[in-house]
Amino acid sequence: MKKTIYCFLFAIAFMCPSVNAQNNEPKTNTNPSSKIGFSLFEGTVIAGYVDKGAYLNFVGPNISYTNGKSKLLLGMLPSLRFKEDHSEPKNAFVTPNLGAGLTYCYGKVALQLPFYYNAKTATQNGKWNMGIGIGYRFK
């Protein structure tokens, strides 16, 4: 998990200079409404399903591409996961979690493909789980 986060932050660090250089160049794009940006909080709330449980997340730090009313985000997803645990000892029903994934927004509607990691336990190996969600964009 730690290695994955470091790789993600490393990729973002290398994307920053290229985006800034692109913004300083004269525009040759025929569509002036398309742009690349960074944000710490997006103002989007999403509910969905992953790994036999539900989640509620708020799109956090991200890289986004905007074109008209469409917006595509790649970023971190601070979340609350709701899942009944059947192991011993039992974990809480609601747990904080950090995922990563893609979010597509059109107007006020948001669709999401999140990825969450479940740590290794005595009975299961650790693995990434993909989910799906829908939500509302306030901005």
N, C-alpha and C. Protein backbone atom coordinates (compact mmCIF):
# COMPACT_ATOMS: atom_id res chain seq x y z
N MET A 1 0.83 -1.19 0.00
CA MET A 1 0.00 0.00 0.00
C MET A 1 0.87 1.25 0.00
N LYS A 2 1.90 1.24 0.86
CA LYS A 2 2.78 2.38 0.97
C LYS A 2 3.51 2.63 -0.35
N LYS A 3 3.94 1.53 -0.98
CA LYS A 3 4.66 1.63 -2.26
C LYS A 3 3.75 2.21 -3.34
N THR A 4 2.49 1.82 -3.36
CA THR A 4 1.53 2.32 -4.34
C THR A 4 1.31 3.82 -4.17
N ILE A 5 1.18 4.27 -2.94
CA ILE A 5 0.97 5.70 -2.68
C ILE A 5 2.19 6.49 -3.13
N TYR A 6 3.39 5.98 -2.82
CA TYR A 6 4.61 6.67 -3.25
C TYR A 6 4.70 6.76 -4.78
N CYS A 7 4.33 5.68 -5.47
CA CYS A 7 4.35 5.69 -6.94
C CYS A 7 3.37 6.72 -7.47
N PHE A 8 2.19 6.80 -6.87
CA PHE A 8 1.18 7.76 -7.31
C PHE A 8 1.67 9.18 -7.11
N LEU A 9 2.25 9.49 -5.95
CA LEU A 9 2.77 10.83 -5.68
C LEU A 9 3.95 11.16 -6.59
N PHE A 10 4.78 10.18 -6.88
CA PHE A 10 5.91 10.36 -7.79
C PHE A 10 5.41 10.72 -9.19
N ALA A 11 4.37 10.05 -9.67
CA ALA A 11 3.80 10.35 -10.98
C ALA A 11 3.22 11.75 -11.03
N ILE A 12 2.54 12.17 -9.98
CA ILE A 12 1.97 13.51 -9.92
C ILE A 12 3.08 14.56 -9.96
N ALA A 13 4.18 14.31 -9.25
CA ALA A 13 5.28 15.27 -9.21
C ALA A 13 5.87 15.50 -10.60
N PHE A 14 5.94 14.45 -11.42
CA PHE A 14 6.47 14.61 -12.76
C PHE A 14 5.48 15.22 -13.73
N MET A 15 4.18 15.12 -13.43
CA MET A 15 3.17 15.71 -14.29
C MET A 15 3.04 17.21 -14.07
N CYS A 16 3.36 17.69 -12.88
CA CYS A 16 3.21 19.11 -12.55
C CYS A 16 4.01 20.03 -13.47
N PRO A 17 5.32 19.80 -13.69
CA PRO A 17 6.07 20.71 -14.56
C PRO A 17 5.56 20.72 -15.99
N SER A 18 5.11 19.57 -16.51
CA SER A 18 4.64 19.55 -17.88
C SER A 18 3.32 20.30 -18.03
N VAL A 19 2.46 20.24 -17.03
CA VAL A 19 1.20 20.98 -17.09
C VAL A 19 1.47 22.47 -17.02
N ASN A 20 2.38 22.91 -16.12
CA ASN A 20 2.70 24.32 -16.03
C ASN A 20 3.33 24.83 -17.31
N ALA A 21 4.19 24.04 -17.92
CA ALA A 21 4.81 24.45 -19.18
C ALA A 21 3.74 24.56 -20.27
N GLN A 22 2.78 23.67 -20.25
CA GLN A 22 1.73 23.70 -21.25
C GLN A 22 0.87 24.95 -21.11
N ASN A 23 0.60 25.36 -19.88
CA ASN A 23 -0.23 26.53 -19.66
C ASN A 23 0.46 27.83 -20.08
N ASN A 24 1.80 27.85 -20.10
CA ASN A 24 2.53 29.04 -20.49
C ASN A 24 2.65 29.21 -22.00
N GLU A 25 2.41 28.14 -22.74
CA GLU A 25 2.52 28.22 -24.20
C GLU A 25 1.25 28.84 -24.78
N PRO A 26 1.39 29.47 -25.97
CA PRO A 26 0.19 30.02 -26.61
C PRO A 26 -0.79 28.90 -26.93
N LYS A 27 -2.07 29.21 -26.83
CA LYS A 27 -3.11 28.21 -27.08
C LYS A 27 -3.24 27.95 -28.56
N THR A 28 -3.14 26.66 -28.91
CA THR A 28 -3.39 26.25 -30.29
C THR A 28 -4.64 25.39 -30.35
N ASN A 29 -5.23 25.13 -29.20
CA ASN A 29 -6.43 24.32 -29.12
C ASN A 29 -7.63 25.14 -29.61
N THR A 30 -8.47 24.53 -30.42
CA THR A 30 -9.63 25.24 -30.93
C THR A 30 -10.74 25.34 -29.89
N ASN A 31 -10.68 24.52 -28.85
CA ASN A 31 -11.69 24.54 -27.81
C ASN A 31 -11.11 25.22 -26.56
N PRO A 32 -11.43 26.50 -26.33
CA PRO A 32 -10.82 27.21 -25.21
C PRO A 32 -11.32 26.76 -23.84
N SER A 33 -12.38 25.94 -23.79
CA SER A 33 -12.92 25.54 -22.50
C SER A 33 -12.24 24.29 -21.93
N SER A 34 -11.33 23.65 -22.66
CA SER A 34 -10.66 22.47 -22.12
C SER A 34 -9.39 22.89 -21.39
N LYS A 35 -9.18 22.26 -20.23
CA LYS A 35 -7.99 22.58 -19.45
C LYS A 35 -7.67 21.45 -18.48
N ILE A 36 -6.42 21.45 -18.02
CA ILE A 36 -5.95 20.49 -17.03
C ILE A 36 -5.72 21.25 -15.74
N GLY A 37 -6.13 20.67 -14.62
CA GLY A 37 -5.97 21.36 -13.35
C GLY A 37 -5.74 20.41 -12.19
N PHE A 38 -5.40 20.99 -11.05
CA PHE A 38 -5.18 20.26 -9.81
C PHE A 38 -6.12 20.81 -8.75
N SER A 39 -6.55 19.95 -7.85
CA SER A 39 -7.45 20.38 -6.80
C SER A 39 -7.22 19.53 -5.55
N LEU A 40 -7.38 20.13 -4.38
CA LEU A 40 -7.28 19.37 -3.14
C LEU A 40 -8.62 18.79 -2.71
N PHE A 41 -9.71 19.45 -3.09
CA PHE A 41 -11.04 18.97 -2.78
C PHE A 41 -11.96 19.36 -3.93
N GLU A 42 -12.78 18.44 -4.39
CA GLU A 42 -13.55 18.67 -5.59
C GLU A 42 -14.99 19.10 -5.34
N GLY A 43 -15.54 18.88 -4.15
CA GLY A 43 -16.93 19.23 -3.90
C GLY A 43 -17.89 18.22 -4.48
N THR A 44 -17.51 16.96 -4.45
CA THR A 44 -18.32 15.87 -5.00
C THR A 44 -18.51 14.81 -3.92
N VAL A 45 -19.74 14.32 -3.78
CA VAL A 45 -20.06 13.26 -2.83
C VAL A 45 -20.56 12.07 -3.64
N ILE A 46 -19.99 10.89 -3.37
CA ILE A 46 -20.33 9.71 -4.15
C ILE A 46 -20.61 8.54 -3.22
N ALA A 47 -21.65 7.78 -3.53
CA ALA A 47 -22.00 6.56 -2.82
C ALA A 47 -21.91 5.40 -3.80
N GLY A 48 -21.45 4.26 -3.32
CA GLY A 48 -21.32 3.13 -4.24
C GLY A 48 -21.13 1.81 -3.54
N TYR A 49 -20.74 0.82 -4.34
CA TYR A 49 -20.60 -0.57 -3.90
C TYR A 49 -19.20 -1.06 -4.20
N VAL A 50 -18.58 -1.73 -3.23
CA VAL A 50 -17.29 -2.37 -3.43
C VAL A 50 -17.12 -3.51 -2.43
N ASP A 51 -16.66 -4.66 -2.88
CA ASP A 51 -16.30 -5.79 -2.04
C ASP A 51 -17.38 -6.15 -1.02
N LYS A 52 -18.59 -6.38 -1.48
CA LYS A 52 -19.73 -6.80 -0.64
C LYS A 52 -20.05 -5.80 0.46
N GLY A 53 -19.83 -4.53 0.18
CA GLY A 53 -20.14 -3.47 1.13
C GLY A 53 -20.34 -2.16 0.39
N ALA A 54 -20.69 -1.13 1.11
CA ALA A 54 -20.95 0.18 0.52
C ALA A 54 -19.85 1.16 0.93
N TYR A 55 -19.79 2.26 0.21
CA TYR A 55 -18.85 3.32 0.58
C TYR A 55 -19.49 4.67 0.31
N LEU A 56 -18.98 5.67 1.00
CA LEU A 56 -19.36 7.07 0.81
C LEU A 56 -18.05 7.83 0.75
N ASN A 57 -17.78 8.49 -0.39
CA ASN A 57 -16.50 9.20 -0.47
C ASN A 57 -16.67 10.62 -0.96
N PHE A 58 -15.63 11.37 -0.72
CA PHE A 58 -15.56 12.78 -1.06
C PHE A 58 -14.27 12.92 -1.85
N VAL A 59 -14.38 13.23 -3.13
CA VAL A 59 -13.21 13.25 -4.00
C VAL A 59 -12.18 14.22 -3.43
N GLY A 60 -10.98 13.70 -3.16
CA GLY A 60 -9.92 14.48 -2.55
C GLY A 60 -8.92 15.01 -3.57
N PRO A 61 -7.64 15.00 -3.24
CA PRO A 61 -6.61 15.52 -4.14
C PRO A 61 -6.67 14.81 -5.49
N ASN A 62 -6.64 15.60 -6.57
CA ASN A 62 -6.80 14.99 -7.89
C ASN A 62 -6.17 15.82 -8.99
N ILE A 63 -6.01 15.17 -10.12
CA ILE A 63 -5.63 15.80 -11.38
C ILE A 63 -6.88 15.71 -12.24
N SER A 64 -7.28 16.81 -12.88
CA SER A 64 -8.51 16.78 -13.65
C SER A 64 -8.32 17.34 -15.05
N TYR A 65 -9.14 16.86 -15.95
CA TYR A 65 -9.20 17.37 -17.32
C TYR A 65 -10.64 17.81 -17.55
N THR A 66 -10.83 19.08 -17.88
CA THR A 66 -12.15 19.65 -18.09
C THR A 66 -12.33 20.01 -19.55
N ASN A 67 -13.47 19.65 -20.12
CA ASN A 67 -13.81 20.00 -21.49
C ASN A 67 -15.30 20.29 -21.53
N GLY A 68 -15.66 21.57 -21.55
CA GLY A 68 -17.06 21.96 -21.53
C GLY A 68 -17.70 21.59 -20.20
N LYS A 69 -18.81 20.82 -20.24
CA LYS A 69 -19.49 20.38 -19.02
C LYS A 69 -18.92 19.08 -18.47
N SER A 70 -18.01 18.44 -19.20
CA SER A 70 -17.42 17.17 -18.77
C SER A 70 -16.14 17.39 -18.00
N LYS A 71 -15.92 16.53 -17.00
CA LYS A 71 -14.71 16.61 -16.22
C LYS A 71 -14.28 15.19 -15.85
N LEU A 72 -13.02 14.87 -16.10
CA LEU A 72 -12.47 13.56 -15.78
C LEU A 72 -11.40 13.76 -14.70
N LEU A 73 -11.52 13.02 -13.60
CA LEU A 73 -10.62 13.17 -12.45
C LEU A 73 -9.89 11.87 -12.17
N LEU A 74 -8.63 11.98 -11.82
CA LEU A 74 -7.85 10.85 -11.33
C LEU A 74 -7.29 11.29 -9.99
N GLY A 75 -7.69 10.61 -8.93
CA GLY A 75 -7.24 11.09 -7.63
C GLY A 75 -7.49 10.16 -6.48
N MET A 76 -7.24 10.70 -5.30
CA MET A 76 -7.41 9.98 -4.05
C MET A 76 -8.85 10.17 -3.56
N LEU A 77 -9.35 9.15 -2.87
CA LEU A 77 -10.75 9.14 -2.45
C LEU A 77 -10.87 8.87 -0.96
N PRO A 78 -10.85 9.91 -0.12
CA PRO A 78 -11.08 9.69 1.31
C PRO A 78 -12.52 9.20 1.51
N SER A 79 -12.67 8.09 2.20
CA SER A 79 -13.98 7.42 2.22
C SER A 79 -14.35 6.88 3.59
N LEU A 80 -15.64 6.61 3.73
CA LEU A 80 -16.17 5.80 4.82
C LEU A 80 -16.71 4.53 4.18
N ARG A 81 -16.24 3.38 4.66
CA ARG A 81 -16.71 2.11 4.11
C ARG A 81 -17.64 1.46 5.13
N PHE A 82 -18.73 0.92 4.62
CA PHE A 82 -19.75 0.27 5.43
C PHE A 82 -19.77 -1.21 5.05
N LYS A 83 -19.33 -2.07 5.96
CA LYS A 83 -19.29 -3.49 5.65
C LYS A 83 -19.36 -4.30 6.94
N GLU A 84 -20.25 -5.28 6.96
CA GLU A 84 -20.35 -6.16 8.13
C GLU A 84 -19.21 -7.16 8.09
N ASP A 85 -18.52 -7.27 9.19
CA ASP A 85 -17.37 -8.16 9.29
C ASP A 85 -17.79 -9.46 9.98
N HIS A 86 -17.45 -10.59 9.36
CA HIS A 86 -17.82 -11.89 9.93
C HIS A 86 -16.62 -12.59 10.55
N SER A 87 -15.49 -11.93 10.68
CA SER A 87 -14.30 -12.57 11.25
C SER A 87 -14.25 -12.36 12.76
N GLU A 88 -13.34 -13.04 13.39
CA GLU A 88 -13.11 -12.87 14.83
C GLU A 88 -11.72 -12.35 15.03
N PRO A 89 -11.43 -11.33 15.75
CA PRO A 89 -12.38 -10.40 16.34
C PRO A 89 -13.02 -9.52 15.27
N LYS A 90 -14.21 -9.05 15.54
CA LYS A 90 -14.96 -8.25 14.57
C LYS A 90 -14.40 -6.84 14.46
N ASN A 91 -14.38 -6.34 13.24
CA ASN A 91 -14.04 -4.94 12.99
C ASN A 91 -15.31 -4.11 13.06
N ALA A 92 -15.16 -2.80 13.13
CA ALA A 92 -16.32 -1.90 13.17
C ALA A 92 -17.08 -1.96 11.84
N PHE A 93 -18.38 -1.67 11.90
CA PHE A 93 -19.21 -1.65 10.70
C PHE A 93 -18.80 -0.51 9.76
N VAL A 94 -18.45 0.65 10.33
CA VAL A 94 -18.03 1.81 9.55
C VAL A 94 -16.54 2.03 9.80
N THR A 95 -15.75 2.06 8.71
CA THR A 95 -14.31 2.29 8.84
C THR A 95 -13.85 3.35 7.86
N PRO A 96 -12.90 4.20 8.26
CA PRO A 96 -12.33 5.15 7.32
C PRO A 96 -11.38 4.41 6.37
N ASN A 97 -11.31 4.88 5.14
CA ASN A 97 -10.48 4.22 4.15
C ASN A 97 -10.04 5.23 3.12
N LEU A 98 -8.91 4.97 2.48
CA LEU A 98 -8.43 5.82 1.40
C LEU A 98 -8.31 4.97 0.16
N GLY A 99 -8.98 5.39 -0.90
CA GLY A 99 -8.90 4.69 -2.17
C GLY A 99 -8.33 5.60 -3.23
N ALA A 100 -8.27 5.08 -4.43
CA ALA A 100 -7.83 5.86 -5.58
C ALA A 100 -8.70 5.44 -6.75
N GLY A 101 -8.90 6.35 -7.71
CA GLY A 101 -9.72 5.95 -8.84
C GLY A 101 -10.05 7.08 -9.78
N LEU A 102 -10.89 6.73 -10.76
CA LEU A 102 -11.35 7.65 -11.79
C LEU A 102 -12.77 8.09 -11.49
N THR A 103 -13.01 9.38 -11.71
CA THR A 103 -14.35 9.94 -11.55
C THR A 103 -14.67 10.75 -12.80
N TYR A 104 -15.83 10.52 -13.37
CA TYR A 104 -16.28 11.29 -14.53
C TYR A 104 -17.50 12.09 -14.11
N CYS A 105 -17.45 13.40 -14.34
CA CYS A 105 -18.56 14.28 -14.00
C CYS A 105 -19.10 14.93 -15.27
N TYR A 106 -20.41 14.96 -15.39
CA TYR A 106 -21.06 15.70 -16.46
C TYR A 106 -22.13 16.55 -15.81
N GLY A 107 -21.91 17.85 -15.81
CA GLY A 107 -22.82 18.74 -15.11
C GLY A 107 -22.74 18.47 -13.62
N LYS A 108 -23.84 18.08 -13.02
CA LYS A 108 -23.89 17.81 -11.58
C LYS A 108 -23.84 16.32 -11.24
N VAL A 109 -23.84 15.45 -12.24
CA VAL A 109 -23.84 14.00 -12.01
C VAL A 109 -22.41 13.47 -12.10
N ALA A 110 -22.05 12.57 -11.18
CA ALA A 110 -20.71 11.99 -11.17
C ALA A 110 -20.78 10.47 -11.14
N LEU A 111 -19.96 9.83 -11.96
CA LEU A 111 -19.82 8.37 -11.98
C LEU A 111 -18.39 8.04 -11.59
N GLN A 112 -18.20 6.95 -10.87
CA GLN A 112 -16.87 6.67 -10.34
C GLN A 112 -16.50 5.20 -10.42
N LEU A 113 -15.21 4.94 -10.71
CA LEU A 113 -14.61 3.61 -10.63
C LEU A 113 -13.49 3.68 -9.59
N PRO A 114 -13.79 3.37 -8.32
CA PRO A 114 -12.77 3.44 -7.27
C PRO A 114 -12.06 2.11 -7.08
N PHE A 115 -10.87 2.17 -6.53
CA PHE A 115 -10.10 0.99 -6.16
C PHE A 115 -9.72 1.13 -4.68
N TYR A 116 -10.05 0.10 -3.90
CA TYR A 116 -9.74 0.07 -2.48
C TYR A 116 -8.92 -1.17 -2.18
N TYR A 117 -7.99 -1.03 -1.25
CA TYR A 117 -7.14 -2.16 -0.87
C TYR A 117 -7.63 -2.75 0.44
N ASN A 118 -7.77 -4.07 0.45
CA ASN A 118 -8.07 -4.80 1.68
C ASN A 118 -6.79 -5.47 2.13
N ALA A 119 -6.37 -5.18 3.35
CA ALA A 119 -5.13 -5.73 3.88
C ALA A 119 -5.22 -7.23 4.10
N LYS A 120 -4.07 -7.86 4.15
CA LYS A 120 -3.99 -9.30 4.40
C LYS A 120 -4.46 -9.61 5.82
N THR A 121 -5.24 -10.67 5.94
CA THR A 121 -5.70 -11.14 7.24
C THR A 121 -5.26 -12.60 7.40
N ALA A 122 -5.66 -13.20 8.50
CA ALA A 122 -5.31 -14.61 8.74
C ALA A 122 -5.98 -15.55 7.74
N THR A 123 -7.13 -15.13 7.19
CA THR A 123 -7.88 -16.01 6.28
C THR A 123 -7.84 -15.58 4.82
N GLN A 124 -7.43 -14.34 4.53
CA GLN A 124 -7.44 -13.85 3.15
C GLN A 124 -6.15 -13.11 2.83
N ASN A 125 -5.74 -13.18 1.57
CA ASN A 125 -4.61 -12.40 1.10
C ASN A 125 -5.05 -10.97 0.84
N GLY A 126 -4.13 -10.03 0.93
CA GLY A 126 -4.45 -8.64 0.61
C GLY A 126 -4.65 -8.48 -0.88
N LYS A 127 -5.62 -7.66 -1.27
CA LYS A 127 -5.85 -7.43 -2.69
C LYS A 127 -6.62 -6.13 -2.92
N TRP A 128 -6.51 -5.63 -4.15
CA TRP A 128 -7.25 -4.44 -4.57
C TRP A 128 -8.62 -4.87 -5.06
N ASN A 129 -9.63 -4.08 -4.73
CA ASN A 129 -11.00 -4.34 -5.16
C ASN A 129 -11.53 -3.12 -5.90
N MET A 130 -12.15 -3.37 -7.05
CA MET A 130 -12.74 -2.28 -7.83
C MET A 130 -14.23 -2.19 -7.49
N GLY A 131 -14.73 -0.97 -7.43
CA GLY A 131 -16.14 -0.74 -7.16
C GLY A 131 -16.76 0.13 -8.23
N ILE A 132 -17.97 0.56 -7.97
CA ILE A 132 -18.67 1.47 -8.87
C ILE A 132 -19.55 2.38 -8.01
N GLY A 133 -19.69 3.63 -8.43
CA GLY A 133 -20.48 4.55 -7.64
C GLY A 133 -21.07 5.67 -8.47
N ILE A 134 -22.05 6.33 -7.89
CA ILE A 134 -22.72 7.48 -8.52
C ILE A 134 -22.89 8.55 -7.46
N GLY A 135 -22.82 9.80 -7.88
CA GLY A 135 -22.92 10.86 -6.90
C GLY A 135 -23.32 12.20 -7.47
N TYR A 136 -23.12 13.24 -6.66
CA TYR A 136 -23.54 14.59 -6.99
C TYR A 136 -22.35 15.54 -6.86
N ARG A 137 -22.20 16.42 -7.82
CA ARG A 137 -21.14 17.41 -7.81
C ARG A 137 -21.73 18.77 -7.45
N PHE A 138 -21.24 19.38 -6.37
CA PHE A 138 -21.78 20.65 -5.90
C PHE A 138 -21.26 21.85 -6.65
N LYS A 139 -20.05 21.78 -7.19
CA LYS A 139 -19.46 22.92 -7.90
C LYS A 139 -20.03 23.08 -9.28
